[in-house]
C-alpha atoms as a PDB file:
ATOM      1  CA  MET A   1     123.467 -11.916 -63.830  1.00  0.00           C
ATOM      2  CA  ALA A   2     124.577  -9.709 -60.960  1.00  0.00           C
ATOM      3  CA  LEU A   3     128.080  -9.832 -59.505  1.00  0.00           C
ATOM      4  CA  PRO A   4     129.369  -8.049 -56.424  1.00  0.00           C
ATOM      5  CA  PRO A   5     131.088  -4.700 -56.986  1.00  0.00           C
ATOM      6  CA  TYR A   6     134.849  -4.339 -57.005  1.00  0.00           C
ATOM      7  CA  GLU A   7     134.646  -1.531 -54.447  1.00  0.00           C
ATOM      8  CA  ALA A   8     132.439  -1.565 -51.338  1.00  0.00           C
ATOM      9  CA  ASP A   9     130.683   1.736 -52.153  1.00  0.00           C
ATOM     10  CA  GLU A  10     129.877   0.824 -55.785  1.00  0.00           C
ATOM     11  CA  PRO A  11     126.656  -0.803 -57.072  1.00  0.00           C
ATOM     12  CA  GLU A  12     126.677  -4.443 -58.105  1.00  0.00           C
ATOM     13  CA  ASN A  13     127.714  -5.223 -61.680  1.00  0.00           C
ATOM     14  CA  VAL A  14     124.917  -6.548 -63.878  1.00  0.00           C
ATOM     15  CA  TYR A  15     125.851  -8.574 -66.969  1.00  0.00           C
ATOM     16  CA  VAL A  16     123.886 -10.183 -69.783  1.00  0.00           C
ATOM     17  CA  ALA A  17     124.713 -13.885 -69.511  1.00  0.00           C
ATOM     18  CA  LEU A  18     123.927 -17.094 -71.348  1.00  0.00           C
ATOM     19  CA  ALA A  19     121.744 -19.746 -69.697  1.00  0.00           C
ATOM     20  CA  ASN A  20     124.875 -21.491 -68.391  1.00  0.00           C
ATOM     21  CA  GLY A  21     126.010 -18.261 -66.684  1.00  0.00           C
ATOM     22  CA  GLU A  22     128.795 -17.508 -69.169  1.00  0.00           C
ATOM     23  CA  TRP A  23     129.256 -13.861 -70.132  1.00  0.00           C
ATOM     24  CA  HIS A  24     131.809 -11.775 -72.007  1.00  0.00           C
ATOM     25  CA  GLY A  25     132.924  -8.177 -72.089  1.00  0.00           C
ATOM     26  CA  ASN A  26     132.742  -5.349 -69.621  1.00  0.00           C
ATOM     27  CA  TYR A  27     129.782  -4.761 -67.414  1.00  0.00           C
ATOM     28  CA  PRO A  28     127.238  -2.375 -68.925  1.00  0.00           C
ATOM     29  CA  ASP A  29     126.838   1.164 -67.599  1.00  0.00           C
ATOM     30  CA  TRP A  30     123.301   1.141 -66.192  1.00  0.00           C
ATOM     31  CA  ALA A  31     123.598   4.721 -64.905  1.00  0.00           C
ATOM     32  CA  ALA A  32     121.934   6.078 -68.065  1.00  0.00           C
ATOM     33  CA  GLY A  33     118.578   4.913 -66.701  1.00  0.00           C
ATOM     34  CA  PRO A  34     115.832   2.504 -67.678  1.00  0.00           C
ATOM     35  CA  ALA A  35     115.119   4.194 -71.023  1.00  0.00           C
ATOM     36  CA  SER A  36     118.468   3.003 -72.362  1.00  0.00           C
ATOM     37  CA  ALA A  37     118.092  -0.545 -70.997  1.00  0.00           C
ATOM     38  CA  PRO A  38     117.076  -2.146 -74.348  1.00  0.00           C
ATOM     39  CA  THR A  39     120.154  -0.676 -76.050  1.00  0.00           C
ATOM     40  CA  ILE A  40     122.428  -1.756 -73.186  1.00  0.00           C
ATOM     41  CA  VAL A  41     121.005  -5.300 -73.154  1.00  0.00           C
ATOM     42  CA  ALA A  42     121.219  -5.605 -76.966  1.00  0.00           C
ATOM     43  CA  ASP A  43     124.833  -4.396 -76.947  1.00  0.00           C
ATOM     44  CA  ALA A  44     125.825  -6.790 -74.147  1.00  0.00           C
ATOM     45  CA  ALA A  45     124.043  -9.732 -75.809  1.00  0.00           C
ATOM     46  CA  GLN A  46     125.688  -8.898 -79.141  1.00  0.00           C
ATOM     47  CA  GLU A  47     129.114  -8.796 -77.494  1.00  0.00           C
ATOM     48  CA  THR A  48     128.582 -12.183 -75.821  1.00  0.00           C
ATOM     49  CA  VAL A  49     127.384 -13.811 -79.063  1.00  0.00           C
ATOM     50  CA  ALA A  50     130.272 -12.298 -81.036  1.00  0.00           C
ATOM     51  CA  GLU A  51     132.808 -13.550 -78.473  1.00  0.00           C
ATOM     52  CA  ARG A  52     131.320 -17.051 -78.580  1.00  0.00           C
ATOM     53  CA  LEU A  53     131.192 -17.235 -82.394  1.00  0.00           C
ATOM     54  CA  TRP A  54     134.419 -15.250 -82.977  1.00  0.00           C
ATOM     55  CA  GLN A  55     132.688 -13.167 -85.628  1.00  0.00           C
ATOM     56  CA  ALA A  56     130.691  -9.982 -85.832  1.00  0.00           C
ATOM     57  CA  TRP A  57     126.946 -10.301 -85.328  1.00  0.00           C
ATOM     58  CA  PRO A  58     124.561  -9.086 -86.651  1.00  0.00           C
ATOM     59  CA  LEU A  59     126.012  -8.228 -90.045  1.00  0.00           C
ATOM     60  CA  CYS A  60     124.923  -5.429 -92.330  1.00  0.00           C
ATOM     61  CA  ALA A  61     123.300  -7.110 -95.350  1.00  0.00           C
ATOM     62  CA  GLU A  62     124.724  -4.468 -97.680  1.00  0.00           C
ATOM     63  CA  HIS A  63     128.290  -4.199 -96.380  1.00  0.00           C
ATOM     64  CA  GLY A  64     128.924  -7.482 -94.533  1.00  0.00           C
ATOM     65  CA  LEU A  65     130.259  -5.582 -91.504  1.00  0.00           C
ATOM     66  CA  GLY A  66     129.184  -5.875 -87.895  1.00  0.00           C
ATOM     67  CA  MET A  67     126.560  -3.447 -86.654  1.00  0.00           C
ATOM     68  CA  HIS A  68     126.110  -1.896 -83.211  1.00  0.00           C
ATOM     69  CA  PRO A  69     122.834  -1.055 -81.466  1.00  0.00           C
ATOM     70  CA  ARG A  70     121.956   2.591 -81.063  1.00  0.00           C
ATOM     71  CA  ASP A  71     119.033   4.711 -80.004  1.00  0.00           C
ATOM     72  CA  VAL A  72     117.441   6.563 -82.930  1.00  0.00           C
ATOM     73  CA  ASP A  73     114.509   8.785 -81.989  1.00  0.00           C
ATOM     74  CA  GLU A  74     113.977   6.654 -78.873  1.00  0.00           C
ATOM     75  CA  LEU A  75     113.852   3.436 -80.908  1.00  0.00           C
ATOM     76  CA  LEU A  76     116.473   0.711 -80.755  1.00  0.00           C
ATOM     77  CA  SER A  77     118.074   0.029 -84.104  1.00  0.00           C
ATOM     78  CA  TRP A  78     121.168  -1.382 -85.669  1.00  0.00           C
END
């Protein structure tokens, strides 16, 4: 979902939203380029799901704690 920028000279803000248009969190920083898009989208989706469920998601099977997406050797992982 794209929303207008806060300032006239800024790019529009792009959010990951649910089918009903609901979204949570801050807008992602897309300036890193298309290579980081999967990590940005995964992080934004995770934040929206966590806000809706009021719990961390996904959880580490070993520790029971919430995980965050990251780029490891150009592969998305948690």
